[in-house]
Structures are given as C-alpha cells and as structure tokens.
Amino acid sequence: MTMTDTEFHRLADEMFGEIDNAVERAIDDQDADVDIDASGNVLQLAFEDGSQIVINKQEPLHEIWIATKFGGFHFNYTDGKWLDTRNGLEFMPFVIDAIKKQSGIELDIKS
C-alpha cells in the first residue's frame, strides 16, 4: 500500500515531536546546552561545540533524512517503523546514539 503525503507528514511530525520532547527533557535533566529549531520540514539540533544534527522530511520520497557530523542517513517507513534504508536501524535509537556520539548527551525517551 502506498503512503499518501498526508500520512507521511503525520508520521514524520510524530517522530519530530518525540525527538523534540526527548531533547527538551535532556536539557532539563542534564543542564545540556542544545538549541532546537523546528522550521517547516526541518528540525535542527545545535550543540555546545557548534556541531549540528539536521533532520528533514523528504516529501517526494516519503523519507526522513538525517545529517550528522559522521554521515548522512535516510529512513523510510516500513512495517510500522522508520528504518535506515542501508542497514535497517530504527530511527529513534539511531537518533539517540547520534546525539550521544556527537554531543555526549544521553537521552531518556521513556519518561
């Protein structure tokens, strides 16, 4: 079944909200220095060292793309999960790991 643009945006926006909430909690819990800028189809996380993680929606492909200082990654929605198109990693664990690698901040998404 093909995903519509509306479904894609709903699913991607849910994931963006989950990231935003997890990072906000980390800022509160760890006094972390992270700036979050959500604008249109892009969510940017800027860290104390000046590095960024940029997460954006690629509507024509129905993918979420992530750019980190260690590479670019593409995720598509398969069987109810956002999965990396190269290695099948799940989106949220990947983002949590990328934030830790890039900034040293450990996120707790359970609370």
PDB file of N, CA and C in Angstrom:
ATOM      1  N   MET A   1       0.837  -1.185   0.000  1.00  0.00           N
ATOM      2  CA  MET A   1       0.000   0.000   0.000  1.00  0.00           C
ATOM      3  C   MET A   1       0.881   1.248   0.000  1.00  0.00           C
ATOM      4  N   THR A   2       0.579   2.187  -0.833  1.00  0.00           N
ATOM      5  CA  THR A   2       1.363   3.402  -0.962  1.00  0.00           C
ATOM      6  C   THR A   2       0.923   4.430   0.079  1.00  0.00           C
ATOM      7  N   MET A   3       1.897   5.083   0.683  1.00  0.00           N
ATOM      8  CA  MET A   3       1.633   6.117   1.676  1.00  0.00           C
ATOM      9  C   MET A   3       1.296   7.428   0.974  1.00  0.00           C
ATOM     10  N   THR A   4       0.292   8.125   1.486  1.00  0.00           N
ATOM     11  CA  THR A   4      -0.037   9.440   0.932  1.00  0.00           C
ATOM     12  C   THR A   4       0.863  10.494   1.566  1.00  0.00           C
ATOM     13  N   ASP A   5       0.933  11.665   0.952  1.00  0.00           N
ATOM     14  CA  ASP A   5       1.715  12.763   1.519  1.00  0.00           C
ATOM     15  C   ASP A   5       1.204  13.140   2.905  1.00  0.00           C
ATOM     16  N   THR A   6      -0.113  13.123   3.081  1.00  0.00           N
ATOM     17  CA  THR A   6      -0.711  13.462   4.379  1.00  0.00           C
ATOM     18  C   THR A   6      -0.279  12.467   5.454  1.00  0.00           C
ATOM     19  N   GLU A   7      -0.319  11.175   5.133  1.00  0.00           N
ATOM     20  CA  GLU A   7       0.130  10.152   6.090  1.00  0.00           C
ATOM     21  C   GLU A   7       1.610  10.328   6.409  1.00  0.00           C
ATOM     22  N   PHE A   8       2.410  10.586   5.390  1.00  0.00           N
ATOM     23  CA  PHE A   8       3.842  10.792   5.598  1.00  0.00           C
ATOM     24  C   PHE A   8       4.088  11.939   6.573  1.00  0.00           C
ATOM     25  N   HIS A   9       3.448  13.072   6.351  1.00  0.00           N
ATOM     26  CA  HIS A   9       3.662  14.229   7.227  1.00  0.00           C
ATOM     27  C   HIS A   9       3.188  13.944   8.649  1.00  0.00           C
ATOM     28  N   ARG A  10       2.083  13.248   8.798  1.00  0.00           N
ATOM     29  CA  ARG A  10       1.595  12.915  10.147  1.00  0.00           C
ATOM     30  C   ARG A  10       2.612  12.047  10.877  1.00  0.00           C
ATOM     31  N   LEU A  11       3.090  10.997  10.227  1.00  0.00           N
ATOM     32  CA  LEU A  11       4.060  10.085  10.839  1.00  0.00           C
ATOM     33  C   LEU A  11       5.395  10.786  11.124  1.00  0.00           C
ATOM     34  N   ALA A  12       5.867  11.584  10.184  1.00  0.00           N
ATOM     35  CA  ALA A  12       7.130  12.294  10.375  1.00  0.00           C
ATOM     36  C   ALA A  12       6.996  13.332  11.487  1.00  0.00           C
ATOM     37  N   ASP A  13       5.873  14.045  11.532  1.00  0.00           N
ATOM     38  CA  ASP A  13       5.661  15.042  12.586  1.00  0.00           C
ATOM     39  C   ASP A  13       5.605  14.396  13.964  1.00  0.00           C
ATOM     40  N   GLU A  14       5.012  13.214  14.054  1.00  0.00           N
ATOM     41  CA  GLU A  14       5.005  12.488  15.331  1.00  0.00           C
ATOM     42  C   GLU A  14       6.432  12.197  15.783  1.00  0.00           C
ATOM     43  N   MET A  15       7.273  11.768  14.848  1.00  0.00           N
ATOM     44  CA  MET A  15       8.660  11.456  15.185  1.00  0.00           C
ATOM     45  C   MET A  15       9.421  12.718  15.565  1.00  0.00           C
ATOM     46  N   PHE A  16       9.203  13.817  14.842  1.00  0.00           N
ATOM     47  CA  PHE A  16       9.850  15.086  15.188  1.00  0.00           C
ATOM     48  C   PHE A  16       9.461  15.505  16.605  1.00  0.00           C
ATOM     49  N   GLY A  17       8.184  15.345  16.958  1.00  0.00           N
ATOM     50  CA  GLY A  17       7.718  15.702  18.296  1.00  0.00           C
ATOM     51  C   GLY A  17       8.367  14.853  19.370  1.00  0.00           C
ATOM     52  N   GLU A  18       8.546  13.570  19.077  1.00  0.00           N
ATOM     53  CA  GLU A  18       9.195  12.666  20.026  1.00  0.00           C
ATOM     54  C   GLU A  18      10.646  13.088  20.274  1.00  0.00           C
ATOM     55  N   ILE A  19      11.349  13.451  19.216  1.00  0.00           N
ATOM     56  CA  ILE A  19      12.730  13.917  19.357  1.00  0.00           C
ATOM     57  C   ILE A  19      12.771  15.207  20.160  1.00  0.00           C
ATOM     58  N   ASP A  20      11.927  16.149  19.801  1.00  0.00           N
ATOM     59  CA  ASP A  20      11.870  17.444  20.484  1.00  0.00           C
ATOM     60  C   ASP A  20      11.633  17.251  21.980  1.00  0.00           C
ATOM     61  N   ASN A  21      10.663  16.406  22.344  1.00  0.00           N
ATOM     62  CA  ASN A  21      10.368  16.155  23.749  1.00  0.00           C
ATOM     63  C   ASN A  21      11.538  15.508  24.471  1.00  0.00           C
ATOM     64  N   ALA A  22      12.190  14.528  23.849  1.00  0.00           N
ATOM     65  CA  ALA A  22      13.314  13.833  24.475  1.00  0.00           C
ATOM     66  C   ALA A  22      14.493  14.785  24.695  1.00  0.00           C
ATOM     67  N   VAL A  23      14.765  15.639  23.718  1.00  0.00           N
ATOM     68  CA  VAL A  23      15.869  16.594  23.853  1.00  0.00           C
ATOM     69  C   VAL A  23      15.547  17.636  24.921  1.00  0.00           C
ATOM     70  N   GLU A  24      14.307  18.103  24.953  1.00  0.00           N
ATOM     71  CA  GLU A  24      13.908  19.063  25.990  1.00  0.00           C
ATOM     72  C   GLU A  24      14.098  18.467  27.379  1.00  0.00           C
ATOM     73  N   ARG A  25      13.729  17.185  27.562  1.00  0.00           N
ATOM     74  CA  ARG A  25      13.927  16.527  28.859  1.00  0.00           C
ATOM     75  C   ARG A  25      15.406  16.453  29.200  1.00  0.00           C
ATOM     76  N   ALA A  26      16.243  16.128  28.212  1.00  0.00           N
ATOM     77  CA  ALA A  26      17.681  16.041  28.463  1.00  0.00           C
ATOM     78  C   ALA A  26      18.242  17.394  28.876  1.00  0.00           C
ATOM     79  N   ILE A  27      17.752  18.449  28.236  1.00  0.00           N
ATOM     80  CA  ILE A  27      18.198  19.792  28.595  1.00  0.00           C
ATOM     81  C   ILE A  27      17.844  20.066  30.054  1.00  0.00           C
ATOM     82  N   ASP A  28      16.619  19.724  30.444  1.00  0.00           N
ATOM     83  CA  ASP A  28      16.179  19.940  31.822  1.00  0.00           C
ATOM     84  C   ASP A  28      16.941  19.049  32.806  1.00  0.00           C
ATOM     85  N   ASP A  29      17.072  17.752  32.470  1.00  0.00           N
ATOM     86  CA  ASP A  29      17.686  16.783  33.387  1.00  0.00           C
ATOM     87  C   ASP A  29      19.194  16.964  33.529  1.00  0.00           C
ATOM     88  N   GLN A  30      19.866  17.333  32.453  1.00  0.00           N
ATOM     89  CA  GLN A  30      21.326  17.350  32.445  1.00  0.00           C
ATOM     90  C   GLN A  30      21.911  18.745  32.297  1.00  0.00           C
ATOM     91  N   ASP A  31      21.062  19.744  32.289  1.00  0.00           N
ATOM     92  CA  ASP A  31      21.511  21.105  32.036  1.00  0.00           C
ATOM     93  C   ASP A  31      22.352  21.152  30.757  1.00  0.00           C
ATOM     94  N   ALA A  32      21.894  20.403  29.741  1.00  0.00           N
ATOM     95  CA  ALA A  32      22.599  20.317  28.455  1.00  0.00           C
ATOM     96  C   ALA A  32      22.381  21.600  27.656  1.00  0.00           C
ATOM     97  N   ASP A  33      23.361  21.943  26.847  1.00  0.00           N
ATOM     98  CA  ASP A  33      23.268  23.131  26.003  1.00  0.00           C
ATOM     99  C   ASP A  33      22.958  22.698  24.576  1.00  0.00           C
ATOM    100  N   VAL A  34      21.667  22.629  24.265  1.00  0.00           N
ATOM    101  CA  VAL A  34      21.212  22.240  22.933  1.00  0.00           C
ATOM    102  C   VAL A  34      20.162  23.241  22.490  1.00  0.00           C
ATOM    103  N   ASP A  35      20.333  23.771  21.296  1.00  0.00           N
ATOM    104  CA  ASP A  35      19.315  24.636  20.711  1.00  0.00           C
ATOM    105  C   ASP A  35      18.517  23.805  19.712  1.00  0.00           C
ATOM    106  N   ILE A  36      17.207  23.884  19.828  1.00  0.00           N
ATOM    107  CA  ILE A  36      16.318  23.150  18.929  1.00  0.00           C
ATOM    108  C   ILE A  36      15.583  24.165  18.067  1.00  0.00           C
ATOM    109  N   ASP A  37      15.676  23.975  16.759  1.00  0.00           N
ATOM    110  CA  ASP A  37      14.976  24.864  15.841  1.00  0.00           C
ATOM    111  C   ASP A  37      14.159  24.010  14.880  1.00  0.00           C
ATOM    112  N   ALA A  38      12.847  24.109  15.010  1.00  0.00           N
ATOM    113  CA  ALA A  38      11.950  23.397  14.097  1.00  0.00           C
ATOM    114  C   ALA A  38      11.336  24.418  13.171  1.00  0.00           C
ATOM    115  N   SER A  39      11.566  24.230  11.890  1.00  0.00           N
ATOM    116  CA  SER A  39      11.048  25.169  10.902  1.00  0.00           C
ATOM    117  C   SER A  39      10.628  24.398   9.659  1.00  0.00           C
ATOM    118  N   GLY A  40       9.335  24.384   9.403  1.00  0.00           N
ATOM    119  CA  GLY A  40       8.846  23.686   8.213  1.00  0.00           C
ATOM    120  C   GLY A  40       9.164  22.209   8.265  1.00  0.00           C
ATOM    121  N   ASN A  41       9.872  21.725   7.292  1.00  0.00           N
ATOM    122  CA  ASN A  41      10.203  20.307   7.185  1.00  0.00           C
ATOM    123  C   ASN A  41      11.542  19.956   7.818  1.00  0.00           C
ATOM    124  N   VAL A  42      12.126  20.880   8.607  1.00  0.00           N
ATOM    125  CA  VAL A  42      13.470  20.682   9.147  1.00  0.00           C
ATOM    126  C   VAL A  42      13.472  20.833  10.662  1.00  0.00           C
ATOM    127  N   LEU A  43      14.186  19.924  11.336  1.00  0.00           N
ATOM    128  CA  LEU A  43      14.433  20.014  12.769  1.00  0.00           C
ATOM    129  C   LEU A  43      15.946  20.037  12.950  1.00  0.00           C
ATOM    130  N   GLN A  44      16.459  21.123  13.528  1.00  0.00           N
ATOM    131  CA  GLN A  44      17.903  21.252  13.734  1.00  0.00           C
ATOM    132  C   GLN A  44      18.208  21.200  15.217  1.00  0.00           C
ATOM    133  N   LEU A  45      19.203  20.396  15.575  1.00  0.00           N
ATOM    134  CA  LEU A  45      19.720  20.330  16.930  1.00  0.00           C
ATOM    135  C   LEU A  45      21.136  20.881  16.882  1.00  0.00           C
ATOM    136  N   ALA A  46      21.372  21.988  17.584  1.00  0.00           N
ATOM    137  CA  ALA A  46      22.699  22.612  17.598  1.00  0.00           C
ATOM    138  C   ALA A  46      23.303  22.418  18.988  1.00  0.00           C
ATOM    139  N   PHE A  47      24.533  21.924  19.024  1.00  0.00           N
ATOM    140  CA  PHE A  47      25.189  21.576  20.278  1.00  0.00           C
ATOM    141  C   PHE A  47      26.239  22.611  20.669  1.00  0.00           C
ATOM    142  N   GLU A  48      26.696  22.496  21.920  1.00  0.00           N
ATOM    143  CA  GLU A  48      27.632  23.449  22.512  1.00  0.00           C
ATOM    144  C   GLU A  48      28.919  23.602  21.698  1.00  0.00           C
ATOM    145  N   ASP A  49      29.364  22.519  21.069  1.00  0.00           N
ATOM    146  CA  ASP A  49      30.610  22.580  20.298  1.00  0.00           C
ATOM    147  C   ASP A  49      30.428  23.183  18.911  1.00  0.00           C
ATOM    148  N   GLY A  50      29.203  23.617  18.595  1.00  0.00           N
ATOM    149  CA  GLY A  50      28.933  24.224  17.297  1.00  0.00           C
ATOM    150  C   GLY A  50      28.461  23.237  16.241  1.00  0.00           C
ATOM    151  N   SER A  51      28.510  21.938  16.552  1.00  0.00           N
ATOM    152  CA  SER A  51      28.044  20.951  15.574  1.00  0.00           C
ATOM    153  C   SER A  51      26.519  20.883  15.584  1.00  0.00           C
ATOM    154  N   GLN A  52      25.981  20.297  14.527  1.00  0.00           N
ATOM    155  CA  GLN A  52      24.532  20.195  14.385  1.00  0.00           C
ATOM    156  C   GLN A  52      24.143  18.810  13.887  1.00  0.00           C
ATOM    157  N   ILE A  53      22.937  18.432  14.245  1.00  0.00           N
ATOM    158  CA  ILE A  53      22.258  17.310  13.596  1.00  0.00           C
ATOM    159  C   ILE A  53      21.033  17.918  12.939  1.00  0.00           C
ATOM    160  N   VAL A  54      20.906  17.666  11.648  1.00  0.00           N
ATOM    161  CA  VAL A  54      19.784  18.214  10.890  1.00  0.00           C
ATOM    162  C   VAL A  54      18.918  17.047  10.425  1.00  0.00           C
ATOM    163  N   ILE A  55      17.638  17.127  10.782  1.00  0.00           N
ATOM    164  CA  ILE A  55      16.676  16.090  10.420  1.00  0.00           C
ATOM    165  C   ILE A  55      15.628  16.747   9.534  1.00  0.00           C
ATOM    166  N   ASN A  56      15.428  16.192   8.349  1.00  0.00           N
ATOM    167  CA  ASN A  56      14.436  16.821   7.476  1.00  0.00           C
ATOM    168  C   ASN A  56      13.585  15.803   6.751  1.00  0.00           C
ATOM    169  N   LYS A  57      12.389  16.267   6.403  1.00  0.00           N
ATOM    170  CA  LYS A  57      11.433  15.441   5.673  1.00  0.00           C
ATOM    171  C   LYS A  57      11.699  15.587   4.178  1.00  0.00           C
ATOM    172  N   GLN A  58      11.763  14.468   3.513  1.00  0.00           N
ATOM    173  CA  GLN A  58      11.888  14.433   2.053  1.00  0.00           C
ATOM    174  C   GLN A  58      10.562  13.924   1.499  1.00  0.00           C
ATOM    175  N   GLU A  59       9.632  14.874   1.319  1.00  0.00           N
ATOM    176  CA  GLU A  59       8.272  14.504   0.921  1.00  0.00           C
ATOM    177  C   GLU A  59       8.213  13.690  -0.375  1.00  0.00           C
ATOM    178  N   PRO A  60       8.935  14.077  -1.433  1.00  0.00           N
ATOM    179  CA  PRO A  60       8.799  13.305  -2.678  1.00  0.00           C
ATOM    180  C   PRO A  60       9.149  11.825  -2.516  1.00  0.00           C
ATOM    181  N   LEU A  61      10.068  11.514  -1.594  1.00  0.00           N
ATOM    182  CA  LEU A  61      10.494  10.130  -1.380  1.00  0.00           C
ATOM    183  C   LEU A  61       9.806   9.477  -0.176  1.00  0.00           C
ATOM    184  N   HIS A  62       9.052  10.287   0.593  1.00  0.00           N
ATOM    185  CA  HIS A  62       8.436   9.833   1.845  1.00  0.00           C
ATOM    186  C   HIS A  62       9.501   9.257   2.776  1.00  0.00           C
ATOM    187  N   GLU A  63      10.604   9.986   2.918  1.00  0.00           N
ATOM    188  CA  GLU A  63      11.702   9.588   3.791  1.00  0.00           C
ATOM    189  C   GLU A  63      12.029  10.722   4.769  1.00  0.00           C
ATOM    190  N   ILE A  64      12.671  10.347   5.857  1.00  0.00           N
ATOM    191  CA  ILE A  64      13.275  11.310   6.778  1.00  0.00           C
ATOM    192  C   ILE A  64      14.778  11.162   6.611  1.00  0.00           C
ATOM    193  N   TRP A  65      15.456  12.282   6.398  1.00  0.00           N
ATOM    194  CA  TRP A  65      16.903  12.280   6.238  1.00  0.00           C
ATOM    195  C   TRP A  65      17.552  12.913   7.460  1.00  0.00           C
ATOM    196  N   ILE A  66      18.699  12.357   7.867  1.00  0.00           N
ATOM    197  CA  ILE A  66      19.451  12.885   9.000  1.00  0.00           C
ATOM    198  C   ILE A  66      20.881  13.150   8.551  1.00  0.00           C
ATOM    199  N   ALA A  67      21.348  14.363   8.839  1.00  0.00           N
ATOM    200  CA  ALA A  67      22.746  14.716   8.580  1.00  0.00           C
ATOM    201  C   ALA A  67      23.429  14.927   9.925  1.00  0.00           C
ATOM    202  N   THR A  68      24.504  14.177  10.157  1.00  0.00           N
ATOM    203  CA  THR A  68      25.307  14.313  11.366  1.00  0.00           C
ATOM    204  C   THR A  68      26.738  14.593  10.948  1.00  0.00           C
ATOM    205  N   LYS A  69      27.603  14.850  11.913  1.00  0.00           N
ATOM    206  CA  LYS A  69      28.995  15.103  11.531  1.00  0.00           C
ATOM    207  C   LYS A  69      29.704  13.824  11.095  1.00  0.00           C
ATOM    208  N   PHE A  70      29.054  12.664  11.284  1.00  0.00           N
ATOM    209  CA  PHE A  70      29.672  11.406  10.845  1.00  0.00           C
ATOM    210  C   PHE A  70      28.939  10.759   9.672  1.00  0.00           C
ATOM    211  N   GLY A  71      28.021  11.500   9.032  1.00  0.00           N
ATOM    212  CA  GLY A  71      27.400  10.968   7.819  1.00  0.00           C
ATOM    213  C   GLY A  71      25.954  11.375   7.637  1.00  0.00           C
ATOM    214  N   GLY A  72      25.417  11.008   6.484  1.00  0.00           N
ATOM    215  CA  GLY A  72      24.023  11.259   6.161  1.00  0.00           C
ATOM    216  C   GLY A  72      23.274   9.940   6.075  1.00  0.00           C
ATOM    217  N   PHE A  73      22.021   9.938   6.534  1.00  0.00           N
ATOM    218  CA  PHE A  73      21.252   8.709   6.637  1.00  0.00           C
ATOM    219  C   PHE A  73      19.820   8.956   6.185  1.00  0.00           C
ATOM    220  N   HIS A  74      19.229   7.953   5.551  1.00  0.00           N
ATOM    221  CA  HIS A  74      17.862   8.055   5.030  1.00  0.00           C
ATOM    222  C   HIS A  74      17.006   6.977   5.684  1.00  0.00           C
ATOM    223  N   PHE A  75      15.816   7.367   6.120  1.00  0.00           N
ATOM    224  CA  PHE A  75      14.903   6.447   6.781  1.00  0.00           C
ATOM    225  C   PHE A  75      13.567   6.450   6.055  1.00  0.00           C
ATOM    226  N   ASN A  76      13.018   5.245   5.830  1.00  0.00           N
ATOM    227  CA  ASN A  76      11.660   5.179   5.286  1.00  0.00           C
ATOM    228  C   ASN A  76      10.782   4.350   6.211  1.00  0.00           C
ATOM    229  N   TYR A  77       9.493   4.548   6.078  1.00  0.00           N
ATOM    230  CA  TYR A  77       8.520   3.912   6.966  1.00  0.00           C
ATOM    231  C   TYR A  77       8.159   2.549   6.412  1.00  0.00           C
ATOM    232  N   THR A  78       8.532   1.500   7.165  1.00  0.00           N
ATOM    233  CA  THR A  78       8.309   0.125   6.732  1.00  0.00           C
ATOM    234  C   THR A  78       7.760  -0.679   7.900  1.00  0.00           C
ATOM    235  N   ASP A  79       6.654  -1.345   7.693  1.00  0.00           N
ATOM    236  CA  ASP A  79       6.070  -2.211   8.724  1.00  0.00           C
ATOM    237  C   ASP A  79       5.907  -1.501  10.064  1.00  0.00           C
ATOM    238  N   GLY A  80       5.452  -0.238  10.019  1.00  0.00           N
ATOM    239  CA  GLY A  80       5.165   0.493  11.243  1.00  0.00           C
ATOM    240  C   GLY A  80       6.359   1.132  11.933  1.00  0.00           C
ATOM    241  N   LYS A  81       7.524   1.141  11.254  1.00  0.00           N
ATOM    242  CA  LYS A  81       8.739   1.706  11.851  1.00  0.00           C
ATOM    243  C   LYS A  81       9.496   2.519  10.812  1.00  0.00           C
ATOM    244  N   TRP A  82      10.206   3.571  11.287  1.00  0.00           N
ATOM    245  CA  TRP A  82      11.133   4.301  10.434  1.00  0.00           C
ATOM    246  C   TRP A  82      12.459   3.550  10.481  1.00  0.00           C
ATOM    247  N   LEU A  83      12.913   3.043   9.314  1.00  0.00           N
ATOM    248  CA  LEU A  83      14.126   2.228   9.246  1.00  0.00           C
ATOM    249  C   LEU A  83      15.135   2.833   8.271  1.00  0.00           C
ATOM    250  N   ASP A  84      16.421   2.747   8.653  1.00  0.00           N
ATOM    251  CA  ASP A  84      17.508   3.209   7.798  1.00  0.00           C
ATOM    252  C   ASP A  84      17.504   2.375   6.522  1.00  0.00           C
ATOM    253  N   THR A  85      17.568   3.044   5.380  1.00  0.00           N
ATOM    254  CA  THR A  85      17.494   2.342   4.096  1.00  0.00           C
ATOM    255  C   THR A  85      18.735   1.504   3.812  1.00  0.00           C
ATOM    256  N   ARG A  86      19.853   1.767   4.509  1.00  0.00           N
ATOM    257  CA  ARG A  86      21.077   1.000   4.260  1.00  0.00           C
ATOM    258  C   ARG A  86      21.240  -0.194   5.190  1.00  0.00           C
ATOM    259  N   ASN A  87      20.959   0.017   6.487  1.00  0.00           N
ATOM    260  CA  ASN A  87      21.264  -1.046   7.431  1.00  0.00           C
ATOM    261  C   ASN A  87      20.089  -1.483   8.303  1.00  0.00           C
ATOM    262  N   GLY A  88      18.900  -0.900   8.085  1.00  0.00           N
ATOM    263  CA  GLY A  88      17.711  -1.332   8.804  1.00  0.00           C
ATOM    264  C   GLY A  88      17.608  -0.877  10.251  1.00  0.00           C
ATOM    265  N   LEU A  89      18.519  -0.002  10.700  1.00  0.00           N
ATOM    266  CA  LEU A  89      18.433   0.502  12.073  1.00  0.00           C
ATOM    267  C   LEU A  89      17.164   1.315  12.256  1.00  0.00           C
ATOM    268  N   GLU A  90      16.570   1.219  13.455  1.00  0.00           N
ATOM    269  CA  GLU A  90      15.381   2.003  13.755  1.00  0.00           C
ATOM    270  C   GLU A  90      15.755   3.455  14.027  1.00  0.00           C
ATOM    271  N   PHE A  91      14.857   4.345  13.644  1.00  0.00           N
ATOM    272  CA  PHE A  91      15.098   5.788  13.682  1.00  0.00           C
ATOM    273  C   PHE A  91      15.446   6.323  15.073  1.00  0.00           C
ATOM    274  N   MET A  92      14.557   6.125  16.049  1.00  0.00           N
ATOM    275  CA  MET A  92      14.776   6.764  17.344  1.00  0.00           C
ATOM    276  C   MET A  92      16.034   6.265  18.048  1.00  0.00           C
ATOM    277  N   PRO A  93      16.296   4.948  18.121  1.00  0.00           N
ATOM    278  CA  PRO A  93      17.573   4.518  18.701  1.00  0.00           C
ATOM    279  C   PRO A  93      18.775   5.102  17.950  1.00  0.00           C
ATOM    280  N   PHE A  94      18.651   5.218  16.621  1.00  0.00           N
ATOM    281  CA  PHE A  94      19.735   5.814  15.842  1.00  0.00           C
ATOM    282  C   PHE A  94      19.966   7.269  16.249  1.00  0.00           C
ATOM    283  N   VAL A  95      18.875   8.040  16.372  1.00  0.00           N
ATOM    284  CA  VAL A  95      18.991   9.457  16.738  1.00  0.00           C
ATOM    285  C   VAL A  95      19.598   9.601  18.132  1.00  0.00           C
ATOM    286  N   ILE A  96      19.146   8.776  19.069  1.00  0.00           N
ATOM    287  CA  ILE A  96      19.687   8.824  20.436  1.00  0.00           C
ATOM    288  C   ILE A  96      21.183   8.552  20.413  1.00  0.00           C
ATOM    289  N   ASP A  97      21.603   7.543  19.646  1.00  0.00           N
ATOM    290  CA  ASP A  97      23.024   7.207  19.534  1.00  0.00           C
ATOM    291  C   ASP A  97      23.804   8.327  18.848  1.00  0.00           C
ATOM    292  N   ALA A  98      23.223   8.912  17.801  1.00  0.00           N
ATOM    293  CA  ALA A  98      23.900  10.005  17.085  1.00  0.00           C
ATOM    294  C   ALA A  98      24.107  11.208  18.001  1.00  0.00           C
ATOM    295  N   ILE A  99      23.101  11.543  18.803  1.00  0.00           N
ATOM    296  CA  ILE A  99      23.228  12.671  19.734  1.00  0.00           C
ATOM    297  C   ILE A  99      24.313  12.377  20.765  1.00  0.00           C
ATOM    298  N   LYS A 100      24.352  11.147  21.263  1.00  0.00           N
ATOM    299  CA  LYS A 100      25.381  10.781  22.244  1.00  0.00           C
ATOM    300  C   LYS A 100      26.778  10.859  21.620  1.00  0.00           C
ATOM    301  N   LYS A 101      26.939  10.291  20.409  1.00  0.00           N
ATOM    302  CA  LYS A 101      28.240  10.326  19.732  1.00  0.00           C
ATOM    303  C   LYS A 101      28.695  11.757  19.461  1.00  0.00           C
ATOM    304  N   GLN A 102      27.769  12.588  19.048  1.00  0.00           N
ATOM    305  CA  GLN A 102      28.119  13.935  18.611  1.00  0.00           C
ATOM    306  C   GLN A 102      28.275  14.907  19.770  1.00  0.00           C
ATOM    307  N   SER A 103      27.494  14.722  20.858  1.00  0.00           N
ATOM    308  CA  SER A 103      27.497  15.737  21.921  1.00  0.00           C
ATOM    309  C   SER A 103      27.780  15.197  23.314  1.00  0.00           C
ATOM    310  N   GLY A 104      27.717  13.876  23.467  1.00  0.00           N
ATOM    311  CA  GLY A 104      27.888  13.291  24.792  1.00  0.00           C
ATOM    312  C   GLY A 104      26.617  13.296  25.627  1.00  0.00           C
ATOM    313  N   ILE A 105      25.522  13.823  25.088  1.00  0.00           N
ATOM    314  CA  ILE A 105      24.257  13.891  25.814  1.00  0.00           C
ATOM    315  C   ILE A 105      23.515  12.565  25.663  1.00  0.00           C
ATOM    316  N   GLU A 106      23.113  11.997  26.803  1.00  0.00           N
ATOM    317  CA  GLU A 106      22.342  10.755  26.774  1.00  0.00           C
ATOM    318  C   GLU A 106      20.879  11.081  26.985  1.00  0.00           C
ATOM    319  N   LEU A 107      20.042  10.648  26.061  1.00  0.00           N
ATOM    320  CA  LEU A 107      18.609  10.928  26.128  1.00  0.00           C
ATOM    321  C   LEU A 107      17.859   9.759  26.753  1.00  0.00           C
ATOM    322  N   ASP A 108      16.842  10.088  27.523  1.00  0.00           N
ATOM    323  CA  ASP A 108      15.926   9.099  28.072  1.00  0.00           C
ATOM    324  C   ASP A 108      14.559   9.376  27.433  1.00  0.00           C
ATOM    325  N   ILE A 109      14.096   8.450  26.601  1.00  0.00           N
ATOM    326  CA  ILE A 109      12.816   8.689  25.917  1.00  0.00           C
ATOM    327  C   ILE A 109      11.660   7.959  26.576  1.00  0.00           C
ATOM    328  N   LYS A 110      11.902   7.321  27.716  1.00  0.00           N
ATOM    329  CA  LYS A 110      10.861   6.537  28.358  1.00  0.00           C
ATOM    330  C   LYS A 110       9.916   7.365  29.224  1.00  0.00           C
ATOM    331  N   SER A 111      10.409   8.491  29.753  1.00  0.00           N
ATOM    332  CA  SER A 111       9.562   9.258  30.681  1.00  0.00           C
ATOM    333  C   SER A 111       8.758  10.304  29.990  1.00  0.00           C
TER     334      SER A 111
END
